[in-house]
């Protein structure tokens, strides 16, 4: 989560908030939290509607970090963001790869 947040900040510094971007992450938790998937809408949308509580009424874990991520994501054109899951089994695979798509 922290690597994802720091990547968003760096992309903002580089002026890439309106560019098509592909985030390749090894965390389905992060992907399902921030993006709509075949399994349903982004969890973060529901957390915000429930004042940062989970479906069972408990506070979202790492709430401040998620709120920071939410603030950063708001600076991007969400229609140009894509997310993909990378099954990471090799220890030297970075936890977050970002590739600017040239489409």
C-alpha atoms as a PDB file:
ATOM      1  CA  UNK A   1       0.000   0.000   0.000  1.00  0.00           C
ATOM      2  CA  UNK A   2       2.788   2.389   0.882  1.00  0.00           C
ATOM      3  CA  UNK A   3       4.628   1.641  -2.361  1.00  0.00           C
ATOM      4  CA  UNK A   4       1.418   2.275  -4.305  1.00  0.00           C
ATOM      5  CA  UNK A   5       0.886   5.607  -2.528  1.00  0.00           C
ATOM      6  CA  UNK A   6       4.479   6.690  -3.128  1.00  0.00           C
ATOM      7  CA  UNK A   7       4.136   5.735  -6.790  1.00  0.00           C
ATOM      8  CA  UNK A   8       1.031   7.890  -7.116  1.00  0.00           C
ATOM      9  CA  UNK A   9       2.886  10.822  -5.585  1.00  0.00           C
ATOM     10  CA  UNK A  10       5.827  10.362  -7.956  1.00  0.00           C
ATOM     11  CA  UNK A  11       3.541  10.131 -10.981  1.00  0.00           C
ATOM     12  CA  UNK A  12       1.897  13.376  -9.885  1.00  0.00           C
ATOM     13  CA  UNK A  13       5.312  15.054  -9.570  1.00  0.00           C
ATOM     14  CA  UNK A  14       6.120  13.893 -13.099  1.00  0.00           C
ATOM     15  CA  UNK A  15       2.894  15.425 -14.404  1.00  0.00           C
ATOM     16  CA  UNK A  16       1.396  12.098 -15.466  1.00  0.00           C
ATOM     17  CA  UNK A  17      -1.978  12.340 -13.731  1.00  0.00           C
ATOM     18  CA  UNK A  18      -3.899  12.587 -16.999  1.00  0.00           C
ATOM     19  CA  UNK A  19      -1.975   9.894 -18.872  1.00  0.00           C
ATOM     20  CA  UNK A  20      -3.060   6.293 -19.440  1.00  0.00           C
ATOM     21  CA  UNK A  21      -1.342   4.201 -16.770  1.00  0.00           C
ATOM     22  CA  UNK A  22      -1.173   0.528 -16.017  1.00  0.00           C
ATOM     23  CA  UNK A  23      -0.467  -0.459 -12.424  1.00  0.00           C
ATOM     24  CA  UNK A  24       0.801  -4.011 -12.109  1.00  0.00           C
ATOM     25  CA  UNK A  25       0.578  -5.066  -8.483  1.00  0.00           C
ATOM     26  CA  UNK A  26       1.061  -8.292  -6.590  1.00  0.00           C
ATOM     27  CA  UNK A  27      -1.688  -7.366  -4.130  1.00  0.00           C
ATOM     28  CA  UNK A  28      -5.265  -8.187  -5.034  1.00  0.00           C
ATOM     29  CA  UNK A  29      -6.210  -6.436  -1.789  1.00  0.00           C
ATOM     30  CA  UNK A  30      -4.946  -3.106  -3.131  1.00  0.00           C
ATOM     31  CA  UNK A  31      -6.446  -3.699  -6.576  1.00  0.00           C
ATOM     32  CA  UNK A  32      -9.886  -4.571  -5.173  1.00  0.00           C
ATOM     33  CA  UNK A  33      -9.690  -1.648  -2.764  1.00  0.00           C
ATOM     34  CA  UNK A  34      -9.060   1.018  -5.397  1.00  0.00           C
ATOM     35  CA  UNK A  35     -10.594  -0.275  -8.620  1.00  0.00           C
ATOM     36  CA  UNK A  36     -13.802  -1.803  -9.835  1.00  0.00           C
ATOM     37  CA  UNK A  37     -13.263  -5.453 -10.727  1.00  0.00           C
ATOM     38  CA  UNK A  38     -15.364  -8.346 -11.996  1.00  0.00           C
ATOM     39  CA  UNK A  39     -16.026  -9.062  -8.309  1.00  0.00           C
ATOM     40  CA  UNK A  40     -17.690  -5.680  -7.757  1.00  0.00           C
ATOM     41  CA  UNK A  41     -17.024  -2.011  -7.136  1.00  0.00           C
ATOM     42  CA  UNK A  42     -13.874  -0.766  -5.440  1.00  0.00           C
ATOM     43  CA  UNK A  43     -14.039  -1.431  -1.714  1.00  0.00           C
ATOM     44  CA  UNK A  44     -12.841   2.089  -0.986  1.00  0.00           C
ATOM     45  CA  UNK A  45     -16.079   3.484  -2.446  1.00  0.00           C
ATOM     46  CA  UNK A  46     -18.083   1.547   0.130  1.00  0.00           C
ATOM     47  CA  UNK A  47     -15.711   2.398   2.970  1.00  0.00           C
ATOM     48  CA  UNK A  48     -16.116   6.106   2.241  1.00  0.00           C
ATOM     49  CA  UNK A  49     -19.922   5.827   2.138  1.00  0.00           C
ATOM     50  CA  UNK A  50     -19.813   4.136   5.543  1.00  0.00           C
ATOM     51  CA  UNK A  51     -17.457   6.748   7.021  1.00  0.00           C
ATOM     52  CA  UNK A  52     -14.395   4.495   6.576  1.00  0.00           C
ATOM     53  CA  UNK A  53     -15.957   1.402   8.102  1.00  0.00           C
ATOM     54  CA  UNK A  54     -16.039  -2.123   6.689  1.00  0.00           C
ATOM     55  CA  UNK A  55     -19.237  -3.971   5.822  1.00  0.00           C
ATOM     56  CA  UNK A  56     -19.339  -5.371   9.367  1.00  0.00           C
ATOM     57  CA  UNK A  57     -19.072  -1.882  10.893  1.00  0.00           C
ATOM     58  CA  UNK A  58     -15.429  -2.065  11.996  1.00  0.00           C
ATOM     59  CA  UNK A  59     -12.948   0.700  11.159  1.00  0.00           C
ATOM     60  CA  UNK A  60     -10.979   0.056   7.985  1.00  0.00           C
ATOM     61  CA  UNK A  61      -7.453  -1.144   8.778  1.00  0.00           C
ATOM     62  CA  UNK A  62      -4.789   1.414   7.838  1.00  0.00           C
ATOM     63  CA  UNK A  63      -7.496   4.035   7.427  1.00  0.00           C
ATOM     64  CA  UNK A  64      -5.129   7.015   7.234  1.00  0.00           C
ATOM     65  CA  UNK A  65      -3.083   5.321   4.534  1.00  0.00           C
ATOM     66  CA  UNK A  66      -6.219   4.513   2.527  1.00  0.00           C
ATOM     67  CA  UNK A  67      -7.397   8.110   2.898  1.00  0.00           C
ATOM     68  CA  UNK A  68      -4.028   9.325   1.588  1.00  0.00           C
ATOM     69  CA  UNK A  69      -4.348   6.942  -1.359  1.00  0.00           C
ATOM     70  CA  UNK A  70      -7.885   8.198  -1.982  1.00  0.00           C
ATOM     71  CA  UNK A  71      -6.701  11.827  -2.021  1.00  0.00           C
ATOM     72  CA  UNK A  72      -3.892  11.000  -4.451  1.00  0.00           C
ATOM     73  CA  UNK A  73      -6.125   8.944  -6.753  1.00  0.00           C
ATOM     74  CA  UNK A  74      -8.561  11.870  -6.962  1.00  0.00           C
ATOM     75  CA  UNK A  75      -5.850  13.791  -8.833  1.00  0.00           C
ATOM     76  CA  UNK A  76      -5.795  11.219 -11.654  1.00  0.00           C
ATOM     77  CA  UNK A  77      -8.152  10.628 -14.556  1.00  0.00           C
ATOM     78  CA  UNK A  78      -9.669   7.384 -13.289  1.00  0.00           C
ATOM     79  CA  UNK A  79     -10.872   6.435 -16.775  1.00  0.00           C
ATOM     80  CA  UNK A  80      -7.221   6.143 -17.829  1.00  0.00           C
ATOM     81  CA  UNK A  81      -6.099   3.931 -14.943  1.00  0.00           C
ATOM     82  CA  UNK A  82      -5.880   0.186 -15.368  1.00  0.00           C
ATOM     83  CA  UNK A  83      -4.848  -2.405 -12.813  1.00  0.00           C
ATOM     84  CA  UNK A  84      -3.422  -5.865 -13.287  1.00  0.00           C
ATOM     85  CA  UNK A  85      -2.453  -8.528 -10.807  1.00  0.00           C
ATOM     86  CA  UNK A  86       0.981 -10.121 -10.959  1.00  0.00           C
ATOM     87  CA  UNK A  87       1.301 -13.378  -9.088  1.00  0.00           C
ATOM     88  CA  UNK A  88       4.613 -12.788  -7.381  1.00  0.00           C
ATOM     89  CA  UNK A  89       6.540 -15.870  -6.436  1.00  0.00           C
ATOM     90  CA  UNK A  90      10.074 -14.650  -7.022  1.00  0.00           C
ATOM     91  CA  UNK A  91      11.528 -12.747  -4.086  1.00  0.00           C
ATOM     92  CA  UNK A  92      13.345 -10.224  -6.247  1.00  0.00           C
ATOM     93  CA  UNK A  93      10.190  -9.145  -8.097  1.00  0.00           C
ATOM     94  CA  UNK A  94       9.365  -5.627  -7.005  1.00  0.00           C
ATOM     95  CA  UNK A  95       6.030  -5.288  -5.237  1.00  0.00           C
ATOM     96  CA  UNK A  96       4.890  -2.567  -7.596  1.00  0.00           C
ATOM     97  CA  UNK A  97       5.643  -2.040 -11.274  1.00  0.00           C
ATOM     98  CA  UNK A  98       4.299   0.965 -13.084  1.00  0.00           C
ATOM     99  CA  UNK A  99       4.338   1.256 -16.784  1.00  0.00           C
ATOM    100  CA  UNK A 100       3.166   4.215 -18.777  1.00  0.00           C
ATOM    101  CA  UNK A 101       0.999   2.889 -21.548  1.00  0.00           C
ATOM    102  CA  UNK A 102       1.669   4.368 -24.953  1.00  0.00           C
ATOM    103  CA  UNK A 103      -1.863   3.922 -26.251  1.00  0.00           C
END
